């Protein structure tokens, strides 16, 4: 099963967008956008920031919210991100 980040990347590639074009459309920095696509949520200041950026990016591809992102619900996304932050030494 593909992760949320992989599905976001596939949506971008399907539209033949570069990371720079997606960053400009979403107003998310290229580095952060690539972190989302690589499921590197631990690189964000907090899980709240990561969730917010996932929502912004998902809405760009006409997904209504993070809940409608394939393979994700808000609750499980929170748990996954908290676990990633915990493993990275962030609380």
C-alpha atoms as a PDB file:
ATOM      1  CA  UNK A   1       0.000   0.000   0.000  1.00  0.00           C
ATOM      2  CA  UNK A   2       1.325   3.424  -0.914  1.00  0.00           C
ATOM      3  CA  UNK A   3       1.900   6.082   1.715  1.00  0.00           C
ATOM      4  CA  UNK A   4       0.271   9.505   1.660  1.00  0.00           C
ATOM      5  CA  UNK A   5       3.551  11.052   0.525  1.00  0.00           C
ATOM      6  CA  UNK A   6       3.894   8.609  -2.351  1.00  0.00           C
ATOM      7  CA  UNK A   7       0.335   9.355  -3.458  1.00  0.00           C
ATOM      8  CA  UNK A   8       0.949  13.092  -3.307  1.00  0.00           C
ATOM      9  CA  UNK A   9       4.067  12.666  -5.420  1.00  0.00           C
ATOM     10  CA  UNK A  10       2.212  10.485  -7.933  1.00  0.00           C
ATOM     11  CA  UNK A  11      -0.543  13.112  -8.205  1.00  0.00           C
ATOM     12  CA  UNK A  12       2.085  15.752  -8.950  1.00  0.00           C
ATOM     13  CA  UNK A  13       3.916  13.594 -11.476  1.00  0.00           C
ATOM     14  CA  UNK A  14       0.645  12.598 -13.160  1.00  0.00           C
ATOM     15  CA  UNK A  15       0.088  16.282 -13.905  1.00  0.00           C
ATOM     16  CA  UNK A  16       3.688  16.677 -15.128  1.00  0.00           C
ATOM     17  CA  UNK A  17       4.428  19.292 -12.473  1.00  0.00           C
ATOM     18  CA  UNK A  18       7.887  19.965 -11.137  1.00  0.00           C
ATOM     19  CA  UNK A  19       8.376  20.330  -7.388  1.00  0.00           C
ATOM     20  CA  UNK A  20       8.959  24.044  -8.029  1.00  0.00           C
ATOM     21  CA  UNK A  21       5.600  24.422  -9.820  1.00  0.00           C
ATOM     22  CA  UNK A  22       3.764  22.587  -7.030  1.00  0.00           C
ATOM     23  CA  UNK A  23       5.546  24.719  -4.425  1.00  0.00           C
ATOM     24  CA  UNK A  24       4.499  27.898  -6.189  1.00  0.00           C
ATOM     25  CA  UNK A  25       0.868  26.734  -6.473  1.00  0.00           C
ATOM     26  CA  UNK A  26       0.638  25.683  -2.819  1.00  0.00           C
ATOM     27  CA  UNK A  27       2.968  28.305  -1.328  1.00  0.00           C
ATOM     28  CA  UNK A  28       4.862  25.487   0.390  1.00  0.00           C
ATOM     29  CA  UNK A  29       8.648  25.621   0.184  1.00  0.00           C
ATOM     30  CA  UNK A  30      10.152  23.098  -2.232  1.00  0.00           C
ATOM     31  CA  UNK A  31      12.138  21.427   0.549  1.00  0.00           C
ATOM     32  CA  UNK A  32       9.024  20.994   2.697  1.00  0.00           C
ATOM     33  CA  UNK A  33       7.015  19.723  -0.237  1.00  0.00           C
ATOM     34  CA  UNK A  34       9.665  17.101  -0.960  1.00  0.00           C
ATOM     35  CA  UNK A  35       9.710  16.146   2.739  1.00  0.00           C
ATOM     36  CA  UNK A  36       5.943  15.538   2.508  1.00  0.00           C
ATOM     37  CA  UNK A  37       6.398  13.398  -0.591  1.00  0.00           C
ATOM     38  CA  UNK A  38       9.098  11.390   1.183  1.00  0.00           C
ATOM     39  CA  UNK A  39       6.972  11.014   4.347  1.00  0.00           C
ATOM     40  CA  UNK A  40       9.697  12.823   6.305  1.00  0.00           C
ATOM     41  CA  UNK A  41       7.265  14.382   8.796  1.00  0.00           C
ATOM     42  CA  UNK A  42       9.950  14.507  11.471  1.00  0.00           C
ATOM     43  CA  UNK A  43      11.611  17.369   9.581  1.00  0.00           C
ATOM     44  CA  UNK A  44       8.712  19.676  10.474  1.00  0.00           C
ATOM     45  CA  UNK A  45       8.610  21.700  13.678  1.00  0.00           C
ATOM     46  CA  UNK A  46       5.587  19.780  14.949  1.00  0.00           C
ATOM     47  CA  UNK A  47       3.002  17.235  13.800  1.00  0.00           C
ATOM     48  CA  UNK A  48       0.506  20.094  13.451  1.00  0.00           C
ATOM     49  CA  UNK A  49       2.645  21.760  10.801  1.00  0.00           C
ATOM     50  CA  UNK A  50       3.055  18.498   8.910  1.00  0.00           C
ATOM     51  CA  UNK A  51      -0.707  17.809   8.995  1.00  0.00           C
ATOM     52  CA  UNK A  52      -1.462  21.332   7.818  1.00  0.00           C
ATOM     53  CA  UNK A  53       0.942  21.066   4.900  1.00  0.00           C
ATOM     54  CA  UNK A  54      -0.486  17.657   3.941  1.00  0.00           C
ATOM     55  CA  UNK A  55      -3.957  19.214   3.867  1.00  0.00           C
ATOM     56  CA  UNK A  56      -2.813  22.150   1.745  1.00  0.00           C
ATOM     57  CA  UNK A  57      -0.997  19.881  -0.689  1.00  0.00           C
ATOM     58  CA  UNK A  58      -3.875  17.374  -0.842  1.00  0.00           C
ATOM     59  CA  UNK A  59      -6.404  20.119  -1.550  1.00  0.00           C
ATOM     60  CA  UNK A  60      -4.274  21.233  -4.499  1.00  0.00           C
ATOM     61  CA  UNK A  61      -5.053  17.852  -6.060  1.00  0.00           C
ATOM     62  CA  UNK A  62      -8.755  18.252  -5.229  1.00  0.00           C
ATOM     63  CA  UNK A  63      -8.760  15.921  -2.257  1.00  0.00           C
ATOM     64  CA  UNK A  64     -11.227  17.483   0.161  1.00  0.00           C
ATOM     65  CA  UNK A  65      -9.021  17.124   3.233  1.00  0.00           C
ATOM     66  CA  UNK A  66      -6.384  14.917   4.812  1.00  0.00           C
ATOM     67  CA  UNK A  67      -9.219  12.511   5.647  1.00  0.00           C
ATOM     68  CA  UNK A  68      -9.853  11.916   1.975  1.00  0.00           C
ATOM     69  CA  UNK A  69      -6.171  11.394   1.221  1.00  0.00           C
ATOM     70  CA  UNK A  70      -5.882   7.787   0.175  1.00  0.00           C
ATOM     71  CA  UNK A  71      -4.674   5.504   2.960  1.00  0.00           C
ATOM     72  CA  UNK A  72      -5.180   8.090   5.683  1.00  0.00           C
ATOM     73  CA  UNK A  73      -7.552   9.265   8.349  1.00  0.00           C
ATOM     74  CA  UNK A  74      -6.867  12.216  10.548  1.00  0.00           C
ATOM     75  CA  UNK A  75      -6.540  10.061  13.658  1.00  0.00           C
ATOM     76  CA  UNK A  76      -4.153   7.529  12.141  1.00  0.00           C
ATOM     77  CA  UNK A  77      -2.136  10.333  10.519  1.00  0.00           C
ATOM     78  CA  UNK A  78      -1.752  11.970  13.939  1.00  0.00           C
ATOM     79  CA  UNK A  79      -0.582   8.703  15.465  1.00  0.00           C
ATOM     80  CA  UNK A  80       1.884   8.034  12.650  1.00  0.00           C
ATOM     81  CA  UNK A  81       3.327  11.543  12.860  1.00  0.00           C
ATOM     82  CA  UNK A  82       3.597  11.415  16.658  1.00  0.00           C
ATOM     83  CA  UNK A  83       5.429   8.095  16.375  1.00  0.00           C
ATOM     84  CA  UNK A  84       7.796   9.562  13.766  1.00  0.00           C
ATOM     85  CA  UNK A  85       8.490  12.585  15.963  1.00  0.00           C
ATOM     86  CA  UNK A  86       9.022  10.386  18.998  1.00  0.00           C
ATOM     87  CA  UNK A  87      11.540   8.236  17.098  1.00  0.00           C
ATOM     88  CA  UNK A  88      13.319  11.382  15.898  1.00  0.00           C
ATOM     89  CA  UNK A  89      13.661  12.596  19.487  1.00  0.00           C
ATOM     90  CA  UNK A  90      11.050  15.342  19.220  1.00  0.00           C
ATOM     91  CA  UNK A  91       7.998  15.610  21.450  1.00  0.00           C
END
